[in-house]
PDB file of all heavy atoms in Angstrom:
ATOM      1  N   LEU A   1       8.622   1.374  21.477  1.00  0.00           N
ATOM      2  CA  LEU A   1       8.518   0.739  20.172  1.00  0.00           C
ATOM      3  C   LEU A   1       9.907   0.318  19.696  1.00  0.00           C
ATOM      4  O   LEU A   1      10.851   1.108  19.740  1.00  0.00           O
ATOM      5  CB  LEU A   1       7.871   1.699  19.158  1.00  0.00           C
ATOM      6  CG  LEU A   1       7.616   1.127  17.762  1.00  0.00           C
ATOM      7  CD1 LEU A   1       6.623  -0.030  17.817  1.00  0.00           C
ATOM      8  CD2 LEU A   1       7.099   2.213  16.833  1.00  0.00           C
ATOM      9  N   GLY A   2      10.052  -0.924  19.225  1.00  0.00           N
ATOM     10  CA  GLY A   2      11.354  -1.457  18.873  1.00  0.00           C
ATOM     11  C   GLY A   2      11.716  -1.408  17.410  1.00  0.00           C
ATOM     12  O   GLY A   2      12.885  -1.478  17.054  1.00  0.00           O
ATOM     13  N   CYS A   3      10.712  -1.300  16.532  1.00  0.00           N
ATOM     14  CA  CYS A   3      10.987  -1.376  15.104  1.00  0.00           C
ATOM     15  C   CYS A   3       9.802  -0.821  14.326  1.00  0.00           C
ATOM     16  O   CYS A   3       8.655  -0.930  14.756  1.00  0.00           O
ATOM     17  CB  CYS A   3      11.224  -2.837  14.717  1.00  0.00           C
ATOM     18  SG  CYS A   3      11.482  -3.125  12.961  1.00  0.00           S
ATOM     19  N   MET A   4      10.113  -0.234  13.172  1.00  0.00           N
ATOM     20  CA  MET A   4       9.088   0.267  12.254  1.00  0.00           C
ATOM     21  C   MET A   4       9.365  -0.321  10.883  1.00  0.00           C
ATOM     22  O   MET A   4      10.520  -0.530  10.524  1.00  0.00           O
ATOM     23  CB  MET A   4       9.137   1.784  12.162  1.00  0.00           C
ATOM     24  CG  MET A   4       9.011   2.483  13.508  1.00  0.00           C
ATOM     25  SD  MET A   4       9.805   4.115  13.490  1.00  0.00           S
ATOM     26  CE  MET A   4      11.533   3.693  13.370  1.00  0.00           C
ATOM     27  N   ILE A   5       8.293  -0.567  10.124  1.00  0.00           N
ATOM     28  CA  ILE A   5       8.411  -1.045   8.753  1.00  0.00           C
ATOM     29  C   ILE A   5       7.619  -0.105   7.858  1.00  0.00           C
ATOM     30  O   ILE A   5       6.462   0.206   8.146  1.00  0.00           O
ATOM     31  CB  ILE A   5       7.843  -2.467   8.592  1.00  0.00           C
ATOM     32  CG1 ILE A   5       8.526  -3.444   9.536  1.00  0.00           C
ATOM     33  CG2 ILE A   5       7.958  -2.933   7.130  1.00  0.00           C
ATOM     34  CD1 ILE A   5       7.852  -4.808   9.612  1.00  0.00           C
ATOM     35  N   GLY A   6       8.230   0.347   6.786  1.00  0.00           N
ATOM     36  CA  GLY A   6       7.544   1.218   5.840  1.00  0.00           C
ATOM     37  C   GLY A   6       8.361   1.360   4.580  1.00  0.00           C
ATOM     38  O   GLY A   6       9.125   0.474   4.204  1.00  0.00           O
ATOM     39  N   LYS A   7       8.187   2.515   3.942  1.00  0.00           N
ATOM     40  CA  LYS A   7       9.008   2.846   2.783  1.00  0.00           C
ATOM     41  C   LYS A   7       9.282   4.340   2.826  1.00  0.00           C
ATOM     42  O   LYS A   7       8.497   5.105   3.376  1.00  0.00           O
ATOM     43  CB  LYS A   7       8.322   2.443   1.470  1.00  0.00           C
ATOM     44  CG  LYS A   7       7.055   3.224   1.167  1.00  0.00           C
ATOM     45  CD  LYS A   7       6.452   2.801  -0.158  1.00  0.00           C
ATOM     46  CE  LYS A   7       5.216   3.665  -0.432  1.00  0.00           C
ATOM     47  NZ  LYS A   7       4.559   3.306  -1.671  1.00  0.00           N
ATOM     48  N   GLY A   8      10.411   4.729   2.279  1.00  0.00           N
ATOM     49  CA  GLY A   8      10.752   6.144   2.206  1.00  0.00           C
ATOM     50  C   GLY A   8      11.598   6.628   3.368  1.00  0.00           C
ATOM     51  O   GLY A   8      11.790   5.940   4.371  1.00  0.00           O
ATOM     52  N   ALA A   9      12.098   7.847   3.183  1.00  0.00           N
ATOM     53  CA  ALA A   9      13.014   8.474   4.142  1.00  0.00           C
ATOM     54  C   ALA A   9      12.306   8.870   5.438  1.00  0.00           C
ATOM     55  O   ALA A   9      11.087   8.988   5.478  1.00  0.00           O
ATOM     56  CB  ALA A   9      13.660   9.697   3.499  1.00  0.00           C
ATOM     57  N   ARG A  10      13.101   9.088   6.487  1.00  0.00           N
ATOM     58  CA  ARG A  10      12.615   9.569   7.780  1.00  0.00           C
ATOM     59  C   ARG A  10      13.288  10.895   8.077  1.00  0.00           C
ATOM     60  O   ARG A  10      14.398  11.163   7.622  1.00  0.00           O
ATOM     61  CB  ARG A  10      12.963   8.576   8.905  1.00  0.00           C
ATOM     62  CG  ARG A  10      12.518   7.149   8.703  1.00  0.00           C
ATOM     63  CD  ARG A  10      11.063   6.973   8.310  1.00  0.00           C
ATOM     64  NE  ARG A  10      10.095   7.457   9.247  1.00  0.00           N
ATOM     65  CZ  ARG A  10       9.486   6.712  10.174  1.00  0.00           C
ATOM     66  NH1 ARG A  10       9.781   5.436  10.282  1.00  0.00           N
ATOM     67  NH2 ARG A  10       8.593   7.246  10.973  1.00  0.00           N
ATOM     68  N   ASN A  11      12.638  11.726   8.903  1.00  0.00           N
ATOM     69  CA  ASN A  11      13.240  13.029   9.213  1.00  0.00           C
ATOM     70  C   ASN A  11      14.277  12.894  10.329  1.00  0.00           C
ATOM     71  O   ASN A  11      14.420  11.842  10.962  1.00  0.00           O
ATOM     72  CB  ASN A  11      12.166  14.080   9.515  1.00  0.00           C
ATOM     73  CG  ASN A  11      11.450  13.875  10.834  1.00  0.00           C
ATOM     74  OD1 ASN A  11      11.950  13.246  11.760  1.00  0.00           O
ATOM     75  ND2 ASN A  11      10.255  14.427  10.931  1.00  0.00           N
ATOM     76  N   ASP A  12      15.007  13.984  10.565  1.00  0.00           N
ATOM     77  CA  ASP A  12      16.095  13.978  11.550  1.00  0.00           C
ATOM     78  C   ASP A  12      15.611  13.664  12.961  1.00  0.00           C
ATOM     79  O   ASP A  12      16.301  12.978  13.720  1.00  0.00           O
ATOM     80  CB  ASP A  12      16.834  15.312  11.542  1.00  0.00           C
ATOM     81  CG  ASP A  12      17.630  15.533  10.261  1.00  0.00           C
ATOM     82  OD1 ASP A  12      17.915  14.545   9.538  1.00  0.00           O
ATOM     83  OD2 ASP A  12      17.981  16.702   9.978  1.00  0.00           O
ATOM     84  N   ALA A  13      14.424  14.161  13.340  1.00  0.00           N
ATOM     85  CA  ALA A  13      13.911  13.911  14.689  1.00  0.00           C
ATOM     86  C   ALA A  13      13.663  12.415  14.907  1.00  0.00           C
ATOM     87  O   ALA A  13      13.933  11.882  15.988  1.00  0.00           O
ATOM     88  CB  ALA A  13      12.631  14.713  14.928  1.00  0.00           C
ATOM     89  N   VAL A  14      13.170  11.743  13.887  1.00  0.00           N
ATOM     90  CA  VAL A  14      12.931  10.296  13.999  1.00  0.00           C
ATOM     91  C   VAL A  14      14.264   9.561  14.109  1.00  0.00           C
ATOM     92  O   VAL A  14      14.422   8.677  14.963  1.00  0.00           O
ATOM     93  CB  VAL A  14      12.107   9.773  12.805  1.00  0.00           C
ATOM     94  CG1 VAL A  14      12.055   8.243  12.804  1.00  0.00           C
ATOM     95  CG2 VAL A  14      10.703  10.357  12.828  1.00  0.00           C
ATOM     96  N   VAL A  15      15.232   9.912  13.280  1.00  0.00           N
ATOM     97  CA  VAL A  15      16.530   9.236  13.323  1.00  0.00           C
ATOM     98  C   VAL A  15      17.192   9.443  14.681  1.00  0.00           C
ATOM     99  O   VAL A  15      17.758   8.499  15.262  1.00  0.00           O
ATOM    100  CB  VAL A  15      17.443   9.700  12.170  1.00  0.00           C
ATOM    101  CG1 VAL A  15      18.834   9.092  12.297  1.00  0.00           C
ATOM    102  CG2 VAL A  15      16.824   9.335  10.818  1.00  0.00           C
ATOM    103  N   GLU A  16      17.114  10.641  15.239  1.00  0.00           N
ATOM    104  CA  GLU A  16      17.687  10.892  16.571  1.00  0.00           C
ATOM    105  C   GLU A  16      16.987  10.052  17.628  1.00  0.00           C
ATOM    106  O   GLU A  16      17.632   9.500  18.523  1.00  0.00           O
ATOM    107  CB  GLU A  16      17.629  12.382  16.919  1.00  0.00           C
ATOM    108  CG  GLU A  16      18.645  13.212  16.154  1.00  0.00           C
ATOM    109  CD  GLU A  16      20.078  12.707  16.307  1.00  0.00           C
ATOM    110  OE1 GLU A  16      20.514  12.430  17.445  1.00  0.00           O
ATOM    111  OE2 GLU A  16      20.758  12.577  15.270  1.00  0.00           O
ATOM    112  N   ALA A  17      15.654   9.938  17.542  1.00  0.00           N
ATOM    113  CA  ALA A  17      14.908   9.111  18.491  1.00  0.00           C
ATOM    114  C   ALA A  17      15.268   7.638  18.329  1.00  0.00           C
ATOM    115  O   ALA A  17      15.327   6.892  19.308  1.00  0.00           O
ATOM    116  CB  ALA A  17      13.407   9.325  18.322  1.00  0.00           C
ATOM    117  N   MET A  18      15.530   7.212  17.095  1.00  0.00           N
ATOM    118  CA  MET A  18      15.955   5.832  16.852  1.00  0.00           C
ATOM    119  C   MET A  18      17.295   5.553  17.528  1.00  0.00           C
ATOM    120  O   MET A  18      17.461   4.524  18.184  1.00  0.00           O
ATOM    121  CB  MET A  18      16.069   5.565  15.342  1.00  0.00           C
ATOM    122  CG  MET A  18      14.744   5.516  14.620  1.00  0.00           C
ATOM    123  SD  MET A  18      14.963   5.380  12.821  1.00  0.00           S
ATOM    124  CE  MET A  18      15.877   3.842  12.711  1.00  0.00           C
ATOM    125  N   LYS A  19      18.231   6.470  17.363  1.00  0.00           N
ATOM    126  CA  LYS A  19      19.548   6.302  17.981  1.00  0.00           C
ATOM    127  C   LYS A  19      19.437   6.318  19.508  1.00  0.00           C
ATOM    128  O   LYS A  19      20.057   5.502  20.198  1.00  0.00           O
ATOM    129  CB  LYS A  19      20.505   7.385  17.487  1.00  0.00           C
ATOM    130  CG  LYS A  19      20.861   7.206  16.024  1.00  0.00           C
ATOM    131  CD  LYS A  19      21.680   8.253  15.326  1.00  0.00           C
ATOM    132  CE  LYS A  19      22.278   9.374  16.013  1.00  0.00           C
ATOM    133  NZ  LYS A  19      22.953  10.341  15.112  1.00  0.00           N
ATOM    134  N   ARG A  20      18.630   7.231  20.034  1.00  0.00           N
ATOM    135  CA  ARG A  20      18.455   7.367  21.480  1.00  0.00           C
ATOM    136  C   ARG A  20      17.840   6.107  22.093  1.00  0.00           C
ATOM    137  O   ARG A  20      18.149   5.735  23.219  1.00  0.00           O
ATOM    138  CB  ARG A  20      17.560   8.591  21.721  1.00  0.00           C
ATOM    139  CG  ARG A  20      17.241   8.903  23.140  1.00  0.00           C
ATOM    140  CD  ARG A  20      16.515  10.241  23.295  1.00  0.00           C
ATOM    141  NE  ARG A  20      15.189  10.291  22.696  1.00  0.00           N
ATOM    142  CZ  ARG A  20      14.845  11.078  21.658  1.00  0.00           C
ATOM    143  NH1 ARG A  20      15.720  11.886  21.112  1.00  0.00           N
ATOM    144  NH2 ARG A  20      13.621  11.068  21.183  1.00  0.00           N
ATOM    145  N   ASN A  21      16.978   5.435  21.338  1.00  0.00           N
ATOM    146  CA  ASN A  21      16.230   4.293  21.863  1.00  0.00           C
ATOM    147  C   ASN A  21      16.661   2.945  21.303  1.00  0.00           C
ATOM    148  O   ASN A  21      16.019   1.928  21.598  1.00  0.00           O
ATOM    149  CB  ASN A  21      14.736   4.498  21.596  1.00  0.00           C
ATOM    150  CG  ASN A  21      14.175   5.636  22.401  1.00  0.00           C
ATOM    151  OD1 ASN A  21      14.037   5.540  23.609  1.00  0.00           O
ATOM    152  ND2 ASN A  21      13.856   6.745  21.746  1.00  0.00           N
ATOM    153  N   CYS A  22      17.714   2.907  20.486  1.00  0.00           N
ATOM    154  CA  CYS A  22      18.203   1.667  19.869  1.00  0.00           C
ATOM    155  C   CYS A  22      17.076   0.966  19.101  1.00  0.00           C
ATOM    156  O   CYS A  22      16.618  -0.125  19.460  1.00  0.00           O
ATOM    157  CB  CYS A  22      18.812   0.732  20.910  1.00  0.00           C
ATOM    158  SG  CYS A  22      19.681  -0.674  20.171  1.00  0.00           S
ATOM    159  N   VAL A  23      16.632   1.629  18.026  1.00  0.00           N
ATOM    160  CA  VAL A  23      15.517   1.159  17.200  1.00  0.00           C
ATOM    161  C   VAL A  23      15.979   1.081  15.755  1.00  0.00           C
ATOM    162  O   VAL A  23      16.854   1.834  15.331  1.00  0.00           O
ATOM    163  CB  VAL A  23      14.317   2.135  17.333  1.00  0.00           C
ATOM    164  CG1 VAL A  23      13.194   1.785  16.382  1.00  0.00           C
ATOM    165  CG2 VAL A  23      13.811   2.143  18.769  1.00  0.00           C
ATOM    166  N   VAL A  24      15.371   0.184  14.966  1.00  0.00           N
ATOM    167  CA  VAL A  24      15.661   0.100  13.536  1.00  0.00           C
ATOM    168  C   VAL A  24      14.404   0.382  12.723  1.00  0.00           C
ATOM    169  O   VAL A  24      13.281   0.199  13.189  1.00  0.00           O
ATOM    170  CB  VAL A  24      16.238  -1.271  13.118  1.00  0.00           C
ATOM    171  CG1 VAL A  24      17.601  -1.493  13.725  1.00  0.00           C
ATOM    172  CG2 VAL A  24      15.298  -2.398  13.446  1.00  0.00           C
ATOM    173  N   TYR A  25      14.655   0.823  11.498  1.00  0.00           N
ATOM    174  CA  TYR A  25      13.592   1.065  10.518  1.00  0.00           C
ATOM    175  C   TYR A  25      13.847   0.125   9.354  1.00  0.00           C
ATOM    176  O   TYR A  25      14.922   0.150   8.752  1.00  0.00           O
ATOM    177  CB  TYR A  25      13.632   2.530  10.082  1.00  0.00           C
ATOM    178  CG  TYR A  25      12.779   2.895   8.897  1.00  0.00           C
ATOM    179  CD1 TYR A  25      11.454   2.483   8.791  1.00  0.00           C
ATOM    180  CD2 TYR A  25      13.303   3.680   7.883  1.00  0.00           C
ATOM    181  CE1 TYR A  25      10.682   2.844   7.703  1.00  0.00           C
ATOM    182  CE2 TYR A  25      12.540   4.054   6.798  1.00  0.00           C
ATOM    183  CZ  TYR A  25      11.222   3.636   6.707  1.00  0.00           C
ATOM    184  OH  TYR A  25      10.471   3.993   5.622  1.00  0.00           O
ATOM    185  N   LEU A  26      12.875  -0.734   9.089  1.00  0.00           N
ATOM    186  CA  LEU A  26      12.979  -1.710   8.021  1.00  0.00           C
ATOM    187  C   LEU A  26      12.119  -1.289   6.845  1.00  0.00           C
ATOM    188  O   LEU A  26      11.057  -0.687   7.025  1.00  0.00           O
ATOM    189  CB  LEU A  26      12.525  -3.089   8.508  1.00  0.00           C
ATOM    190  CG  LEU A  26      13.249  -3.656   9.727  1.00  0.00           C
ATOM    191  CD1 LEU A  26      12.632  -4.994  10.137  1.00  0.00           C
ATOM    192  CD2 LEU A  26      14.727  -3.808   9.466  1.00  0.00           C
ATOM    193  N   GLY A  27      12.549  -1.638   5.660  1.00  0.00           N
ATOM    194  CA  GLY A  27      11.810  -1.299   4.454  1.00  0.00           C
ATOM    195  C   GLY A  27      11.164  -2.519   3.833  1.00  0.00           C
ATOM    196  O   GLY A  27      11.760  -3.593   3.757  1.00  0.00           O
ATOM    197  N   ALA A  28       9.919  -2.325   3.410  1.00  0.00           N
ATOM    198  CA  ALA A  28       9.199  -3.314   2.610  1.00  0.00           C
ATOM    199  C   ALA A  28       9.083  -2.730   1.206  1.00  0.00           C
ATOM    200  O   ALA A  28       9.078  -1.506   1.037  1.00  0.00           O
ATOM    201  CB  ALA A  28       7.820  -3.594   3.201  1.00  0.00           C
ATOM    202  N   ILE A  29       8.995  -3.577   0.227  1.00  0.00           N
ATOM    203  CA  ILE A  29       8.979  -3.116  -1.155  1.00  0.00           C
ATOM    204  C   ILE A  29       7.598  -2.600  -1.530  1.00  0.00           C
ATOM    205  O   ILE A  29       6.608  -3.332  -1.468  1.00  0.00           O
ATOM    206  CB  ILE A  29       9.405  -4.240  -2.113  1.00  0.00           C
ATOM    207  CG1 ILE A  29      10.833  -4.664  -1.801  1.00  0.00           C
ATOM    208  CG2 ILE A  29       9.262  -3.807  -3.570  1.00  0.00           C
ATOM    209  CD1 ILE A  29      11.293  -5.889  -2.524  1.00  0.00           C
ATOM    210  N   GLY A  30       7.557  -1.308  -1.912  1.00  0.00           N
ATOM    211  CA  GLY A  30       6.314  -0.727  -2.392  1.00  0.00           C
ATOM    212  C   GLY A  30       5.891  -1.402  -3.685  1.00  0.00           C
ATOM    213  O   GLY A  30       6.729  -1.768  -4.505  1.00  0.00           O
ATOM    214  N   GLY A  31       4.602  -1.615  -3.866  1.00  0.00           N
ATOM    215  CA  GLY A  31       4.100  -2.264  -5.065  1.00  0.00           C
ATOM    216  C   GLY A  31       4.077  -3.776  -4.965  1.00  0.00           C
ATOM    217  O   GLY A  31       3.644  -4.450  -5.890  1.00  0.00           O
ATOM    218  N   ALA A  32       4.547  -4.311  -3.845  1.00  0.00           N
ATOM    219  CA  ALA A  32       4.600  -5.771  -3.674  1.00  0.00           C
ATOM    220  C   ALA A  32       3.612  -6.239  -2.610  1.00  0.00           C
ATOM    221  O   ALA A  32       3.838  -7.250  -1.947  1.00  0.00           O
ATOM    222  CB  ALA A  32       6.019  -6.206  -3.329  1.00  0.00           C
ATOM    223  N   GLY A  33       2.505  -5.522  -2.461  1.00  0.00           N
ATOM    224  CA  GLY A  33       1.539  -5.840  -1.405  1.00  0.00           C
ATOM    225  C   GLY A  33       0.967  -7.238  -1.474  1.00  0.00           C
ATOM    226  O   GLY A  33       0.755  -7.882  -0.449  1.00  0.00           O
ATOM    227  N   ALA A  34       0.712  -7.737  -2.685  1.00  0.00           N
ATOM    228  CA  ALA A  34       0.170  -9.091  -2.825  1.00  0.00           C
ATOM    229  C   ALA A  34       1.212 -10.129  -2.402  1.00  0.00           C
ATOM    230  O   ALA A  34       0.885 -11.113  -1.731  1.00  0.00           O
ATOM    231  CB  ALA A  34      -0.287  -9.337  -4.255  1.00  0.00           C
ATOM    232  N   LEU A  35       2.461  -9.896  -2.767  1.00  0.00           N
ATOM    233  CA  LEU A  35       3.542 -10.802  -2.368  1.00  0.00           C
ATOM    234  C   LEU A  35       3.739 -10.767  -0.856  1.00  0.00           C
ATOM    235  O   LEU A  35       3.890 -11.811  -0.213  1.00  0.00           O
ATOM    236  CB  LEU A  35       4.848 -10.423  -3.078  1.00  0.00           C
ATOM    237  CG  LEU A  35       6.081 -11.240  -2.725  1.00  0.00           C
ATOM    238  CD1 LEU A  35       5.894 -12.702  -3.112  1.00  0.00           C
ATOM    239  CD2 LEU A  35       7.305 -10.669  -3.415  1.00  0.00           C
ATOM    240  N   ILE A  36       3.720  -9.572  -0.284  1.00  0.00           N
ATOM    241  CA  ILE A  36       3.871  -9.423   1.167  1.00  0.00           C
ATOM    242  C   ILE A  36       2.754 -10.168   1.900  1.00  0.00           C
ATOM    243  O   ILE A  36       2.981 -10.814   2.918  1.00  0.00           O
ATOM    244  CB  ILE A  36       3.915  -7.931   1.557  1.00  0.00           C
ATOM    245  CG1 ILE A  36       5.235  -7.307   1.065  1.00  0.00           C
ATOM    246  CG2 ILE A  36       3.738  -7.733   3.054  1.00  0.00           C
ATOM    247  CD1 ILE A  36       5.281  -5.798   1.135  1.00  0.00           C
ATOM    248  N   ALA A  37       1.528 -10.102   1.361  1.00  0.00           N
ATOM    249  CA  ALA A  37       0.373 -10.767   1.991  1.00  0.00           C
ATOM    250  C   ALA A  37       0.595 -12.269   2.138  1.00  0.00           C
ATOM    251  O   ALA A  37       0.051 -12.885   3.061  1.00  0.00           O
ATOM    252  CB  ALA A  37      -0.891 -10.476   1.193  1.00  0.00           C
ATOM    253  N   GLU A  38       1.400 -12.851   1.270  1.00  0.00           N
ATOM    254  CA  GLU A  38       1.678 -14.288   1.363  1.00  0.00           C
ATOM    255  C   GLU A  38       2.444 -14.639   2.633  1.00  0.00           C
ATOM    256  O   GLU A  38       2.392 -15.779   3.090  1.00  0.00           O
ATOM    257  CB  GLU A  38       2.451 -14.763   0.131  1.00  0.00           C
ATOM    258  CG  GLU A  38       1.631 -14.715  -1.144  1.00  0.00           C
ATOM    259  CD  GLU A  38       2.417 -15.151  -2.373  1.00  0.00           C
ATOM    260  OE1 GLU A  38       3.541 -15.694  -2.229  1.00  0.00           O
ATOM    261  OE2 GLU A  38       1.903 -14.929  -3.479  1.00  0.00           O
ATOM    262  N   SER A  39       3.148 -13.673   3.209  1.00  0.00           N
ATOM    263  CA  SER A  39       3.895 -13.907   4.450  1.00  0.00           C
ATOM    264  C   SER A  39       3.023 -13.736   5.688  1.00  0.00           C
ATOM    265  O   SER A  39       3.465 -14.027   6.791  1.00  0.00           O
ATOM    266  CB  SER A  39       5.081 -12.928   4.550  1.00  0.00           C
ATOM    267  OG  SER A  39       6.019 -13.179   3.541  1.00  0.00           O
TER     268      SER A  39
END
C-alpha cells in the first residue's frame, strides 16, 4: 500500500511501517464530505 487518506493521528507502529515502506498519510478535512464528493 502506497498511501492512506483519513483524519487524526496514527500510532507508532503505523509510523514505523510508513518509514520502512516509504509511505505517506494524507489528511482530508472532516466535515467536508459534500465538498469532497465533488472531486
